[in-house]
Protein backbone atom coordinates (compact mmCIF):
# COMPACT_ATOMS: atom_id res chain seq x y z
CA MET A 1 -1.58 7.46 -10.01
CA ALA A 2 -4.04 8.53 -12.69
CA ASP A 3 -3.56 5.41 -14.74
CA VAL A 4 -4.08 3.15 -11.63
CA ILE A 5 -7.32 5.04 -10.89
CA ALA A 6 -8.39 4.87 -14.64
CA ALA A 7 -7.81 1.14 -14.60
CA ASN A 8 -9.91 0.55 -11.68
CA ASP A 9 -12.79 2.85 -12.95
CA PHE A 10 -12.66 1.06 -16.33
CA LEU A 11 -13.17 -2.31 -14.61
CA VAL A 12 -15.91 -1.10 -12.36
CA ALA A 13 -17.80 0.35 -15.27
CA ARG A 14 -17.85 -2.86 -17.23
CA GLU A 15 -21.29 -4.59 -17.19
CA GLN A 16 -19.62 -8.07 -17.07
CA VAL A 17 -17.52 -7.16 -13.94
CA ASP A 18 -18.81 -7.43 -10.34
CA PRO A 19 -17.24 -4.43 -8.66
CA SER A 20 -17.16 -6.29 -5.28
CA ALA A 21 -15.14 -8.98 -6.72
CA ILE A 22 -12.26 -6.92 -8.05
CA ALA A 23 -8.88 -7.60 -6.46
CA VAL A 24 -6.14 -5.15 -6.48
CA VAL A 25 -2.60 -6.70 -6.51
CA GLY A 26 0.80 -4.82 -6.42
CA THR A 27 4.28 -5.76 -6.17
CA SER A 28 7.01 -3.31 -5.15
CA TYR A 29 6.10 0.08 -6.31
CA GLY A 30 2.91 -1.31 -7.66
CA GLY A 31 2.11 -2.41 -3.97
CA TYR A 32 2.76 1.26 -3.05
CA LEU A 33 0.18 2.52 -5.79
CA ALA A 34 -2.28 -0.10 -4.81
CA THR A 35 -2.24 1.11 -1.26
CA LEU A 36 -2.71 4.75 -2.39
CA LEU A 37 -5.72 3.51 -4.59
CA THR A 38 -7.50 2.60 -1.35
CA ALA A 39 -7.60 6.25 -0.59
CA GLU A 40 -9.31 7.08 -3.89
CA ARG A 41 -11.64 4.27 -4.45
CA THR A 42 -13.32 1.40 -2.60
CA VAL A 43 -11.02 -1.66 -2.68
CA ASN A 44 -12.54 -4.91 -1.24
CA TRP A 45 -9.57 -7.10 -1.90
CA LEU A 46 -6.00 -5.98 -1.70
CA ALA A 47 -2.83 -7.95 -1.92
CA LEU A 48 0.59 -6.62 -1.57
CA ARG A 49 3.83 -8.46 -2.24
CA VAL A 50 6.88 -6.84 -1.03
CA PRO A 51 5.38 -3.22 -1.07
CA ALA A 52 7.99 -0.60 -1.71
CA LEU A 53 8.55 2.02 0.99
CA TYR A 54 8.47 5.57 -0.26
CA PRO A 55 7.64 8.75 1.66
CA ASP A 56 4.20 9.68 1.22
CA SER A 57 4.95 13.20 0.54
CA HIS A 58 6.39 12.27 -2.83
CA TRP A 59 3.42 10.03 -4.14
CA ASP A 60 2.86 12.19 -7.07
CA VAL A 61 6.48 12.31 -8.19
CA PRO A 62 7.87 9.51 -10.49
CA LYS A 63 10.21 7.50 -8.25
CA ALA A 64 13.16 8.01 -10.71
CA LEU A 65 12.95 11.73 -9.72
CA ILE A 66 12.99 11.23 -6.00
CA SER A 67 16.46 11.72 -4.36
CA ARG A 68 17.84 8.19 -3.69
CA ASP A 69 19.58 9.49 -0.59
CA GLY A 70 16.14 10.68 0.72
CA ILE A 71 14.57 7.35 0.00
CA ASN A 72 17.44 5.43 1.76
CA GLN A 73 17.28 7.74 4.79
CA TYR A 74 13.51 7.26 4.99
CA ARG A 75 13.76 3.39 4.89
CA ARG A 76 16.61 3.42 7.50
CA HIS A 77 14.40 5.40 9.74
CA LEU A 78 11.58 2.85 9.33
CA ARG A 79 13.94 -0.15 10.00
CA THR A 80 15.23 1.57 13.15
CA PHE A 81 11.73 2.39 14.42
CA ILE A 82 10.70 -1.18 13.87
CA ARG A 83 13.73 -2.71 15.57
CA THR A 84 13.31 -0.43 18.65
CA ALA A 85 9.43 -0.35 18.77
CA ARG A 86 8.08 -2.31 21.87
CA LEU A 87 4.84 -4.17 21.45
CA PRO A 88 2.45 -4.22 24.39
CA PRO A 89 2.58 -7.44 26.58
CA ALA A 90 0.34 -10.19 25.29
CA SER A 91 -2.66 -10.82 27.39
CA SER A 92 -2.38 -13.79 29.54
CA SER A 93 -6.02 -14.70 29.42
CA VAL A 94 -7.43 -16.47 26.36
CA ALA A 95 -11.07 -16.36 25.66
CA THR A 96 -12.80 -19.68 25.25
CA SER A 97 -16.37 -20.51 24.35
């Protein structure tokens, strides 16, 4: 995570860079790290492409050291939750102007 924060801080400190125009883009584990960056730094533009699902309690552990069984159990739990979650009914009224 320190390298992600350092990269962001490097860009923000550059005179030629408008900090409000910096976009953070992450794919897979990079998407996970990009999301964590938003808790540490101001991010105005965030794009996630297939962000990885890892337990937040292990964000500071290299993913290769996290138990594969634990990761798979976490992901199965999320898939089960999403399949069984019920969304509130949509409102039948539509605002018009």
